[in-house]
Structures are given as structure tokens and as C-alpha cells.
PDB file of N, CA and C in Angstrom:
ATOM      1  N   ALA A   1     -63.983   0.472  69.531  1.00  0.00           N
ATOM      2  CA  ALA A   1     -62.862   1.386  69.652  1.00  0.00           C
ATOM      3  C   ALA A   1     -61.644   0.651  70.195  1.00  0.00           C
ATOM      4  N   PHE A   2     -61.903  -0.190  71.215  1.00  0.00           N
ATOM      5  CA  PHE A   2     -60.813  -0.943  71.808  1.00  0.00           C
ATOM      6  C   PHE A   2     -60.206  -1.905  70.789  1.00  0.00           C
ATOM      7  N   GLN A   3     -61.070  -2.572  70.008  1.00  0.00           N
ATOM      8  CA  GLN A   3     -60.599  -3.526  68.998  1.00  0.00           C
ATOM      9  C   GLN A   3     -59.827  -2.792  67.912  1.00  0.00           C
ATOM     10  N   ALA A   4     -60.270  -1.631  67.482  1.00  0.00           N
ATOM     11  CA  ALA A   4     -59.567  -0.854  66.462  1.00  0.00           C
ATOM     12  C   ALA A   4     -58.193  -0.450  66.980  1.00  0.00           C
ATOM     13  N   GLU A   5     -58.142  -0.077  68.266  1.00  0.00           N
ATOM     14  CA  GLU A   5     -56.862   0.295  68.881  1.00  0.00           C
ATOM     15  C   GLU A   5     -55.917  -0.908  68.912  1.00  0.00           C
ATOM     16  N   GLU A   6     -56.441  -2.075  69.220  1.00  0.00           N
ATOM     17  CA  GLU A   6     -55.633  -3.304  69.212  1.00  0.00           C
ATOM     18  C   GLU A   6     -55.122  -3.607  67.814  1.00  0.00           C
ATOM     19  N   GLU A   7     -55.961  -3.441  66.810  1.00  0.00           N
ATOM     20  CA  GLU A   7     -55.556  -3.706  65.423  1.00  0.00           C
ATOM     21  C   GLU A   7     -54.461  -2.734  64.988  1.00  0.00           C
ATOM     22  N   ARG A   8     -54.633  -1.451  65.346  1.00  0.00           N
ATOM     23  CA  ARG A   8     -53.601  -0.472  64.986  1.00  0.00           C
ATOM     24  C   ARG A   8     -52.280  -0.817  65.689  1.00  0.00           C
ATOM     25  N   GLY A   9     -52.341  -1.242  66.910  1.00  0.00           N
ATOM     26  CA  GLY A   9     -51.139  -1.640  67.661  1.00  0.00           C
ATOM     27  C   GLY A   9     -50.471  -2.848  67.012  1.00  0.00           C
ATOM     28  N   ALA A  10     -51.284  -3.818  66.589  1.00  0.00           N
ATOM     29  CA  ALA A  10     -50.747  -5.013  65.933  1.00  0.00           C
ATOM     30  C   ALA A  10     -50.092  -4.638  64.607  1.00  0.00           C
ATOM     31  N   ILE A  11     -50.747  -3.772  63.861  1.00  0.00           N
ATOM     32  CA  ILE A  11     -50.188  -3.327  62.575  1.00  0.00           C
ATOM     33  C   ILE A  11     -48.872  -2.579  62.821  1.00  0.00           C
ATOM     34  N   ALA A  12     -48.857  -1.714  63.822  1.00  0.00           N
ATOM     35  CA  ALA A  12     -47.643  -0.952  64.136  1.00  0.00           C
ATOM     36  C   ALA A  12     -46.509  -1.899  64.512  1.00  0.00           C
ATOM     37  N   ARG A  13     -46.815  -2.948  65.299  1.00  0.00           N
ATOM     38  CA  ARG A  13     -45.793  -3.918  65.676  1.00  0.00           C
ATOM     39  C   ARG A  13     -45.282  -4.679  64.454  1.00  0.00           C
ATOM     40  N   GLU A  14     -46.183  -5.045  63.527  1.00  0.00           N
ATOM     41  CA  GLU A  14     -45.778  -5.737  62.298  1.00  0.00           C
ATOM     42  C   GLU A  14     -44.897  -4.841  61.433  1.00  0.00           C
ATOM     43  N   VAL A  15     -45.293  -3.558  61.319  1.00  0.00           N
ATOM     44  CA  VAL A  15     -44.497  -2.606  60.525  1.00  0.00           C
ATOM     45  C   VAL A  15     -43.114  -2.448  61.162  1.00  0.00           C
ATOM     46  N   ALA A  16     -43.078  -2.328  62.487  1.00  0.00           N
ATOM     47  CA  ALA A  16     -41.794  -2.183  63.176  1.00  0.00           C
ATOM     48  C   ALA A  16     -40.935  -3.430  62.981  1.00  0.00           C
ATOM     49  N   ALA A  17     -41.553  -4.590  63.058  1.00  0.00           N
ATOM     50  CA  ALA A  17     -40.811  -5.839  62.849  1.00  0.00           C
ATOM     51  C   ALA A  17     -40.285  -5.916  61.417  1.00  0.00           C
ATOM     52  N   ALA A  18     -41.108  -5.498  60.459  1.00  0.00           N
ATOM     53  CA  ALA A  18     -40.674  -5.504  59.054  1.00  0.00           C
ATOM     54  C   ALA A  18     -39.509  -4.547  58.854  1.00  0.00           C
ATOM     55  N   ARG A  19     -39.573  -3.377  59.488  1.00  0.00           N
ATOM     56  CA  ARG A  19     -38.468  -2.415  59.370  1.00  0.00           C
ATOM     57  C   ARG A  19     -37.190  -2.982  59.981  1.00  0.00           C
ATOM     58  N   ARG A  20     -37.302  -3.611  61.146  1.00  0.00           N
ATOM     59  CA  ARG A  20     -36.120  -4.206  61.773  1.00  0.00           C
ATOM     60  C   ARG A  20     -35.517  -5.288  60.880  1.00  0.00           C
ATOM     61  N   GLU A  21     -36.394  -6.081  60.270  1.00  0.00           N
ATOM     62  CA  GLU A  21     -35.923  -7.131  59.355  1.00  0.00           C
ATOM     63  C   GLU A  21     -35.214  -6.508  58.156  1.00  0.00           C
ATOM     64  N   GLU A  22     -35.784  -5.445  57.588  1.00  0.00           N
ATOM     65  CA  GLU A  22     -35.139  -4.760  56.465  1.00  0.00           C
ATOM     66  C   GLU A  22     -33.786  -4.195  56.880  1.00  0.00           C
ATOM     67  N   GLU A  23     -33.715  -3.628  58.086  1.00  0.00           N
ATOM     68  CA  GLU A  23     -32.448  -3.085  58.576  1.00  0.00           C
ATOM     69  C   GLU A  23     -31.411  -4.186  58.751  1.00  0.00           C
ATOM     70  N   ARG A  24     -31.851  -5.348  59.262  1.00  0.00           N
ATOM     71  CA  ARG A  24     -30.916  -6.473  59.405  1.00  0.00           C
ATOM     72  C   ARG A  24     -30.390  -6.910  58.038  1.00  0.00           C
ATOM     73  N   HIS A  25     -31.274  -6.986  57.051  1.00  0.00           N
ATOM     74  CA  HIS A  25     -30.838  -7.359  55.695  1.00  0.00           C
ATOM     75  C   HIS A  25     -29.879  -6.317  55.140  1.00  0.00           C
ATOM     76  N   ALA A  26     -30.203  -5.043  55.363  1.00  0.00           N
ATOM     77  CA  ALA A  26     -29.325  -3.971  54.877  1.00  0.00           C
ATOM     78  C   ALA A  26     -27.967  -4.045  55.567  1.00  0.00           C
ATOM     79  N   ASP A  27     -27.974  -4.293  56.890  1.00  0.00           N
ATOM     80  CA  ASP A  27     -26.715  -4.429  57.620  1.00  0.00           C
ATOM     81  C   ASP A  27     -25.905  -5.612  57.086  1.00  0.00           C
ATOM     82  N   ARG A  28     -26.588  -6.729  56.874  1.00  0.00           N
ATOM     83  CA  ARG A  28     -25.919  -7.927  56.360  1.00  0.00           C
ATOM     84  C   ARG A  28     -25.346  -7.648  54.979  1.00  0.00           C
ATOM     85  N   ALA A  29     -26.126  -7.002  54.116  1.00  0.00           N
ATOM     86  CA  ALA A  29     -25.658  -6.669  52.768  1.00  0.00           C
ATOM     87  C   ALA A  29     -24.485  -5.689  52.849  1.00  0.00           C
ATOM     88  N   GLY A  30     -24.587  -4.744  53.790  1.00  0.00           N
ATOM     89  CA  GLY A  30     -23.498  -3.785  53.975  1.00  0.00           C
ATOM     90  C   GLY A  30     -22.219  -4.459  54.414  1.00  0.00           C
ATOM     91  N   ARG A  31     -22.332  -5.459  55.265  1.00  0.00           N
ATOM     92  CA  ARG A  31     -21.140  -6.199  55.697  1.00  0.00           C
ATOM     93  C   ARG A  31     -20.620  -7.080  54.574  1.00  0.00           C
ATOM     94  N   GLU A  32     -21.516  -7.605  53.763  1.00  0.00           N
ATOM     95  CA  GLU A  32     -21.087  -8.484  52.678  1.00  0.00           C
ATOM     96  C   GLU A  32     -20.382  -7.698  51.577  1.00  0.00           C
ATOM     97  N   ARG A  33     -20.874  -6.508  51.272  1.00  0.00           N
ATOM     98  CA  ARG A  33     -20.260  -5.717  50.216  1.00  0.00           C
ATOM     99  C   ARG A  33     -18.796  -5.420  50.504  1.00  0.00           C
ATOM    100  N   PRO A  34     -18.472  -4.916  51.695  1.00  0.00           N
ATOM    101  CA  PRO A  34     -17.047  -4.689  51.967  1.00  0.00           C
ATOM    102  C   PRO A  34     -16.231  -5.981  51.920  1.00  0.00           C
ATOM    103  N   ARG A  35     -16.817  -7.090  52.368  1.00  0.00           N
ATOM    104  CA  ARG A  35     -16.102  -8.371  52.317  1.00  0.00           C
ATOM    105  C   ARG A  35     -15.848  -8.748  50.862  1.00  0.00           C
ATOM    106  N   GLU A  36     -16.878  -8.575  50.009  1.00  0.00           N
ATOM    107  CA  GLU A  36     -16.702  -8.886  48.589  1.00  0.00           C
ATOM    108  C   GLU A  36     -15.647  -7.980  47.966  1.00  0.00           C
ATOM    109  N   GLU A  37     -15.663  -6.694  48.332  1.00  0.00           N
ATOM    110  CA  GLU A  37     -14.664  -5.768  47.816  1.00  0.00           C
ATOM    111  C   GLU A  37     -13.274  -6.145  48.308  1.00  0.00           C
ATOM    112  N   SER A  38     -13.197  -6.537  49.559  1.00  0.00           N
ATOM    113  CA  SER A  38     -11.915  -6.950  50.119  1.00  0.00           C
ATOM    114  C   SER A  38     -11.391  -8.191  49.396  1.00  0.00           C
ATOM    115  N   GLU A  39     -12.271  -9.152  49.158  1.00  0.00           N
ATOM    116  CA  GLU A  39     -11.874 -10.365  48.435  1.00  0.00           C
ATOM    117  C   GLU A  39     -11.442 -10.019  47.007  1.00  0.00           C
ATOM    118  N   ARG A  40     -12.174  -9.098  46.374  1.00  0.00           N
ATOM    119  CA  ARG A  40     -11.829  -8.690  45.008  1.00  0.00           C
ATOM    120  C   ARG A  40     -10.454  -8.020  45.003  1.00  0.00           C
ATOM    121  N   ARG A  41     -10.206  -7.112  45.964  1.00  0.00           N
ATOM    122  CA  ARG A  41      -8.909  -6.439  46.042  1.00  0.00           C
ATOM    123  C   ARG A  41      -7.802  -7.451  46.315  1.00  0.00           C
ATOM    124  N   GLU A  42      -8.099  -8.424  47.160  1.00  0.00           N
ATOM    125  CA  GLU A  42      -7.109  -9.456  47.466  1.00  0.00           C
ATOM    126  C   GLU A  42      -6.775 -10.269  46.212  1.00  0.00           C
ATOM    127  N   GLU A  43      -7.808 -10.621  45.443  1.00  0.00           N
ATOM    128  CA  GLU A  43      -7.580 -11.367  44.203  1.00  0.00           C
ATOM    129  C   GLU A  43      -6.779 -10.534  43.211  1.00  0.00           C
ATOM    130  N   GLU A  44      -7.111  -9.236  43.109  1.00  0.00           N
ATOM    131  CA  GLU A  44      -6.377  -8.365  42.197  1.00  0.00           C
ATOM    132  C   GLU A  44      -4.920  -8.243  42.619  1.00  0.00           C
ATOM    133  N   ALA A  45      -4.689  -8.130  43.912  1.00  0.00           N
ATOM    134  CA  ALA A  45      -3.321  -8.040  44.416  1.00  0.00           C
ATOM    135  C   ALA A  45      -2.567  -9.338  44.129  1.00  0.00           C
ATOM    136  N   GLU A  46      -3.240 -10.455  44.306  1.00  0.00           N
ATOM    137  CA  GLU A  46      -2.609 -11.746  44.034  1.00  0.00           C
ATOM    138  C   GLU A  46      -2.272 -11.873  42.547  1.00  0.00           C
ATOM    139  N   GLU A  47      -3.197 -11.448  41.680  1.00  0.00           N
ATOM    140  CA  GLU A  47      -2.940 -11.489  40.237  1.00  0.00           C
ATOM    141  C   GLU A  47      -1.777 -10.578  39.861  1.00  0.00           C
ATOM    142  N   ALA A  48      -1.725  -9.386  40.452  1.00  0.00           N
ATOM    143  CA  ALA A  48      -0.633  -8.452  40.168  1.00  0.00           C
ATOM    144  C   ALA A  48       0.697  -9.043  40.628  1.00  0.00           C
ATOM    145  N   HIS A  49       0.684  -9.691  41.800  1.00  0.00           N
ATOM    146  CA  HIS A  49       1.902 -10.329  42.302  1.00  0.00           C
ATOM    147  C   HIS A  49       2.344 -11.448  41.356  1.00  0.00           C
ATOM    148  N   GLN A  50       1.383 -12.234  40.893  1.00  0.00           N
ATOM    149  CA  GLN A  50       1.700 -13.342  39.982  1.00  0.00           C
ATOM    150  C   GLN A  50       2.279 -12.810  38.672  1.00  0.00           C
ATOM    151  N   GLU A  51       1.673 -11.735  38.146  1.00  0.00           N
ATOM    152  CA  GLU A  51       2.178 -11.135  36.904  1.00  0.00           C
ATOM    153  C   GLU A  51       3.592 -10.596  37.103  1.00  0.00           C
ATOM    154  N   ALA A  52       3.838  -9.954  38.238  1.00  0.00           N
ATOM    155  CA  ALA A  52       5.174  -9.433  38.529  1.00  0.00           C
ATOM    156  C   ALA A  52       6.184 -10.575  38.626  1.00  0.00           C
ATOM    157  N   GLU A  53       5.784 -11.667  39.253  1.00  0.00           N
ATOM    158  CA  GLU A  53       6.664 -12.835  39.372  1.00  0.00           C
ATOM    159  C   GLU A  53       6.976 -13.413  37.988  1.00  0.00           C
ATOM    160  N   GLU A  54       5.958 -13.520  37.137  1.00  0.00           N
ATOM    161  CA  GLU A  54       6.172 -14.033  35.781  1.00  0.00           C
ATOM    162  C   GLU A  54       7.071 -13.104  34.985  1.00  0.00           C
ATOM    163  N   ASP A  55       6.885 -11.783  35.125  1.00  0.00           N
ATOM    164  CA  ASP A  55       7.747 -10.817  34.436  1.00  0.00           C
ATOM    165  C   ASP A  55       9.192 -10.949  34.909  1.00  0.00           C
ATOM    166  N   ARG A  56       9.373 -11.096  36.224  1.00  0.00           N
ATOM    167  CA  ARG A  56      10.719 -11.248  36.776  1.00  0.00           C
ATOM    168  C   ARG A  56      11.387 -12.512  36.227  1.00  0.00           C
ATOM    169  N   GLU A  57      10.623 -13.607  36.211  1.00  0.00           N
ATOM    170  CA  GLU A  57      11.169 -14.865  35.686  1.00  0.00           C
ATOM    171  C   GLU A  57      11.526 -14.731  34.207  1.00  0.00           C
ATOM    172  N   ALA A  58      10.695 -14.017  33.451  1.00  0.00           N
ATOM    173  CA  ALA A  58      10.983 -13.818  32.024  1.00  0.00           C
ATOM    174  C   ALA A  58      12.256 -12.989  31.845  1.00  0.00           C
ATOM    175  N   ARG A  59      12.408 -11.936  32.663  1.00  0.00           N
ATOM    176  CA  ARG A  59      13.623 -11.106  32.564  1.00  0.00           C
ATOM    177  C   ARG A  59      14.861 -11.915  32.931  1.00  0.00           C
ATOM    178  N   GLU A  60      14.740 -12.747  33.965  1.00  0.00           N
ATOM    179  CA  GLU A  60      15.868 -13.589  34.360  1.00  0.00           C
ATOM    180  C   GLU A  60      16.229 -14.568  33.250  1.00  0.00           C
ATOM    181  N   ALA A  61      15.216 -15.145  32.604  1.00  0.00           N
ATOM    182  CA  ALA A  61      15.469 -16.084  31.503  1.00  0.00           C
ATOM    183  C   ALA A  61      16.147 -15.367  30.335  1.00  0.00           C
ATOM    184  N   GLU A  62      15.676 -14.152  30.036  1.00  0.00           N
ATOM    185  CA  GLU A  62      16.300 -13.382  28.958  1.00  0.00           C
ATOM    186  C   GLU A  62      17.751 -13.062  29.298  1.00  0.00           C
ATOM    187  N   ALA A  63      17.994 -12.716  30.552  1.00  0.00           N
ATOM    188  CA  ALA A  63      19.362 -12.409  30.985  1.00  0.00           C
ATOM    189  C   ALA A  63      20.237 -13.649  30.879  1.00  0.00           C
ATOM    190  N   ARG A  64      19.703 -14.804  31.305  1.00  0.00           N
ATOM    191  CA  ARG A  64      20.477 -16.056  31.191  1.00  0.00           C
ATOM    192  C   ARG A  64      20.770 -16.361  29.731  1.00  0.00           C
ATOM    193  N   ASP A  65      19.753 -16.193  28.880  1.00  0.00           N
ATOM    194  CA  ASP A  65      19.955 -16.450  27.449  1.00  0.00           C
ATOM    195  C   ASP A  65      20.997 -15.501  26.878  1.00  0.00           C
ATOM    196  N   GLY A  66      20.936 -14.243  27.303  1.00  0.00           N
ATOM    197  CA  GLY A  66      21.914 -13.263  26.834  1.00  0.00           C
ATOM    198  C   GLY A  66      23.317 -13.615  27.294  1.00  0.00           C
ATOM    199  N   ARG A  67      23.453 -13.990  28.574  1.00  0.00           N
ATOM    200  CA  ARG A  67      24.770 -14.388  29.088  1.00  0.00           C
ATOM    201  C   ARG A  67      25.264 -15.646  28.384  1.00  0.00           C
ATOM    202  N   ARG A  68      24.351 -16.574  28.122  1.00  0.00           N
ATOM    203  CA  ARG A  68      24.719 -17.810  27.431  1.00  0.00           C
ATOM    204  C   ARG A  68      25.220 -17.488  26.019  1.00  0.00           C
ATOM    205  N   ALA A  69      24.531 -16.580  25.333  1.00  0.00           N
ATOM    206  CA  ALA A  69      24.946 -16.188  23.980  1.00  0.00           C
ATOM    207  C   ALA A  69      26.297 -15.473  24.031  1.00  0.00           C
ATOM    208  N   ASP A  70      26.492 -14.588  25.032  1.00  0.00           N
ATOM    209  CA  ASP A  70      27.770 -13.888  25.180  1.00  0.00           C
ATOM    210  C   ASP A  70      28.891 -14.882  25.437  1.00  0.00           C
ATOM    211  N   LEU A  71      28.636 -15.854  26.302  1.00  0.00           N
ATOM    212  CA  LEU A  71      29.639 -16.865  26.625  1.00  0.00           C
ATOM    213  C   LEU A  71      29.982 -17.697  25.388  1.00  0.00           C
ATOM    214  N   GLN A  72      28.964 -18.074  24.642  1.00  0.00           N
ATOM    215  CA  GLN A  72      29.202 -18.867  23.433  1.00  0.00           C
ATOM    216  C   GLN A  72      30.026 -18.056  22.428  1.00  0.00           C
ATOM    217  N   ALA A  73      29.717 -16.781  22.242  1.00  0.00           N
ATOM    218  CA  ALA A  73      30.480 -15.936  21.319  1.00  0.00           C
ATOM    219  C   ALA A  73      31.928 -15.807  21.800  1.00  0.00           C
ATOM    220  N   HIS A  74      32.121 -15.662  23.103  1.00  0.00           N
ATOM    221  CA  HIS A  74      33.461 -15.555  23.660  1.00  0.00           C
ATOM    222  C   HIS A  74      34.244 -16.850  23.430  1.00  0.00           C
ATOM    223  N   GLU A  75      33.587 -17.987  23.669  1.00  0.00           N
ATOM    224  CA  GLU A  75      34.249 -19.273  23.445  1.00  0.00           C
ATOM    225  C   GLU A  75      34.618 -19.459  21.973  1.00  0.00           C
ATOM    226  N   GLU A  76      33.735 -19.041  21.080  1.00  0.00           N
ATOM    227  CA  GLU A  76      34.025 -19.147  19.642  1.00  0.00           C
ATOM    228  C   GLU A  76      35.203 -18.255  19.265  1.00  0.00           C
ATOM    229  N   ARG A  77      35.251 -17.034  19.831  1.00  0.00           N
ATOM    230  CA  ARG A  77      36.364 -16.124  19.550  1.00  0.00           C
ATOM    231  C   ARG A  77      37.672 -16.717  20.073  1.00  0.00           C
ATOM    232  N   LEU A  78      37.642 -17.300  21.285  1.00  0.00           N
ATOM    233  CA  LEU A  78      38.849 -17.932  21.831  1.00  0.00           C
ATOM    234  C   LEU A  78      39.295 -19.098  20.960  1.00  0.00           C
ATOM    235  N   ALA A  79      38.346 -19.874  20.461  1.00  0.00           N
ATOM    236  CA  ALA A  79      38.698 -21.013  19.596  1.00  0.00           C
ATOM    237  C   ALA A  79      39.353 -20.507  18.308  1.00  0.00           C
ATOM    238  N   ARG A  80      38.831 -19.422  17.737  1.00  0.00           N
ATOM    239  CA  ARG A  80      39.446 -18.859  16.512  1.00  0.00           C
ATOM    240  C   ARG A  80      40.852 -18.335  16.802  1.00  0.00           C
ATOM    241  N   GLU A  81      41.000 -17.641  17.942  1.00  0.00           N
ATOM    242  CA  GLU A  81      42.314 -17.113  18.303  1.00  0.00           C
ATOM    243  C   GLU A  81      43.307 -18.246  18.542  1.00  0.00           C
ATOM    244  N   LYS A  82      42.842 -19.310  19.192  1.00  0.00           N
ATOM    245  CA  LYS A  82      43.708 -20.459  19.443  1.00  0.00           C
ATOM    246  C   LYS A  82      44.140 -21.091  18.126  1.00  0.00           C
ATOM    247  N   GLU A  83      43.188 -21.238  17.198  1.00  0.00           N
ATOM    248  CA  GLU A  83      43.507 -21.817  15.883  1.00  0.00           C
ATOM    249  C   GLU A  83      44.487 -20.926  15.129  1.00  0.00           C
ATOM    250  N   ALA A  84      44.275 -19.615  15.196  1.00  0.00           N
ATOM    251  CA  ALA A  84      45.181 -18.684  14.519  1.00  0.00           C
ATOM    252  C   ALA A  84      46.576 -18.760  15.139  1.00  0.00           C
ATOM    253  N   ALA A  85      46.644 -18.846  16.456  1.00  0.00           N
ATOM    254  CA  ALA A  85      47.942 -18.955  17.134  1.00  0.00           C
ATOM    255  C   ALA A  85      48.633 -20.263  16.758  1.00  0.00           C
ATOM    256  N   ALA A  86      47.866 -21.344  16.675  1.00  0.00           N
ATOM    257  CA  ALA A  86      48.447 -22.646  16.304  1.00  0.00           C
ATOM    258  C   ALA A  86      48.981 -22.592  14.867  1.00  0.00           C
ATOM    259  N   GLN A  87      48.236 -21.959  13.981  1.00  0.00           N
ATOM    260  CA  GLN A  87      48.704 -21.843  12.588  1.00  0.00           C
ATOM    261  C   GLN A  87      49.954 -20.964  12.506  1.00  0.00           C
ATOM    262  N   ALA A  88      49.990 -19.882  13.266  1.00  0.00           N
ATOM    263  CA  ALA A  88      51.169 -19.014  13.263  1.00  0.00           C
ATOM    264  C   ALA A  88      52.379 -19.767  13.802  1.00  0.00           C
ATOM    265  N   LEU A  89      52.175 -20.539  14.854  1.00  0.00           N
ATOM    266  CA  LEU A  89      53.272 -21.324  15.430  1.00  0.00           C
ATOM    267  C   LEU A  89      53.753 -22.368  14.430  1.00  0.00           C
ATOM    268  N   ALA A  90      52.836 -23.013  13.752  1.00  0.00           N
ATOM    269  CA  ALA A  90      53.219 -24.020  12.752  1.00  0.00           C
ATOM    270  C   ALA A  90      53.994 -23.352  11.616  1.00  0.00           C
ATOM    271  N   GLY A  91      53.580 -22.163  11.212  1.00  0.00           N
ATOM    272  CA  GLY A  91      54.296 -21.435  10.157  1.00  0.00           C
ATOM    273  C   GLY A  91      55.704 -21.065  10.594  1.00  0.00           C
ATOM    274  N   LYS A  92      55.856 -20.635  11.840  1.00  0.00           N
ATOM    275  CA  LYS A  92      57.191 -20.279  12.342  1.00  0.00           C
ATOM    276  C   LYS A  92      58.071 -21.522  12.408  1.00  0.00           C
ATOM    277  N   ARG A  93      57.487 -22.636  12.789  1.00  0.00           N
ATOM    278  CA  ARG A  93      58.273 -23.875  12.862  1.00  0.00           C
ATOM    279  C   ARG A  93      58.740 -24.287  11.465  1.00  0.00           C
ATOM    280  N   ARG A  94      57.860 -24.112  10.471  1.00  0.00           N
ATOM    281  CA  ARG A  94      58.241 -24.455   9.101  1.00  0.00           C
ATOM    282  C   ARG A  94      59.370 -23.529   8.647  1.00  0.00           C
ATOM    283  N   GLU A  95      59.230 -22.221   8.947  1.00  0.00           N
ATOM    284  CA  GLU A  95      60.245 -21.275   8.551  1.00  0.00           C
ATOM    285  C   GLU A  95      61.585 -21.604   9.211  1.00  0.00           C
ATOM    286  N   SER A  96      61.530 -21.913  10.472  1.00  0.00           N
ATOM    287  CA  SER A  96      62.752 -22.207  11.168  1.00  0.00           C
ATOM    288  C   SER A  96      63.324 -23.537  10.724  1.00  0.00           C
ATOM    289  N   GLY A  97      62.519 -24.473  10.298  1.00  0.00           N
ATOM    290  CA  GLY A  97      62.994 -25.754   9.769  1.00  0.00           C
ATOM    291  C   GLY A  97      63.639 -25.535   8.407  1.00  0.00           C
ATOM    292  N   GLU A  98      63.129 -24.595   7.630  1.00  0.00           N
ATOM    293  CA  GLU A  98      63.699 -24.317   6.312  1.00  0.00           C
ATOM    294  C   GLU A  98      65.032 -23.623   6.427  1.00  0.00           C
ATOM    295  N   GLU A  99      65.174 -22.787   7.476  1.00  0.00           N
ATOM    296  CA  GLU A  99      66.425 -22.049   7.643  1.00  0.00           C
ATOM    297  C   GLU A  99      67.561 -22.984   8.041  1.00  0.00           C
ATOM    298  N   GLN A 100      67.252 -24.045   8.735  1.00  0.00           N
ATOM    299  CA  GLN A 100      68.319 -24.935   9.209  1.00  0.00           C
ATOM    300  C   GLN A 100      68.746 -25.832   8.166  1.00  0.00           C
TER     301      GLN A 100
END
């Protein structure tokens, strides 16, 4: 009877130790899951930030290209106006030379 009682006590201690070990693993897994989720959210936030930065850079490049095209068109228009003014001036000089 005494030996059976000792065996039951030993088994109970082993079961309790196994439960504590399972709880420690569960606690560790529970702590790891939030850490993994936190790391995943951090990576997603970093990717979103990177995408936003790339979009901003693309918009800035498009704006620069647009301003560059506008400037080039303006310069071309000024060159045409200058040429037209020079031709008009040359025509007036010819007319005034003919009158004299």
C-alpha cells in the first residue's frame, strides 16, 4: 500500500511537471506570436512607407518632366516670336530704305 502510494505520488509529480512544461511552452509560443505579428506589422509598415516614397518620387519626376516640357515649349514660342519680330523689323527697314 505504501509503495502504491509512493508510485501514485511520483506519477502525480511527473504529470504536474509535464503540465508546467506544457504551460511554459504555451507561454513562450504566446510571447513569440505577438512578436512575430509585431515584426510582420513593422515590415508591412516599412513596405508601405517605401511604396509611398517611390510614389512621391515618381510624382516629383513627372512634375519636373512636365515643367521641363512647359519651359521648352515657352522657349520655342519665344524663339518664334523673336524671329517674327526680326523679320518684321527687317521688312520695315527695307520699306524705309525704298522710300528714301
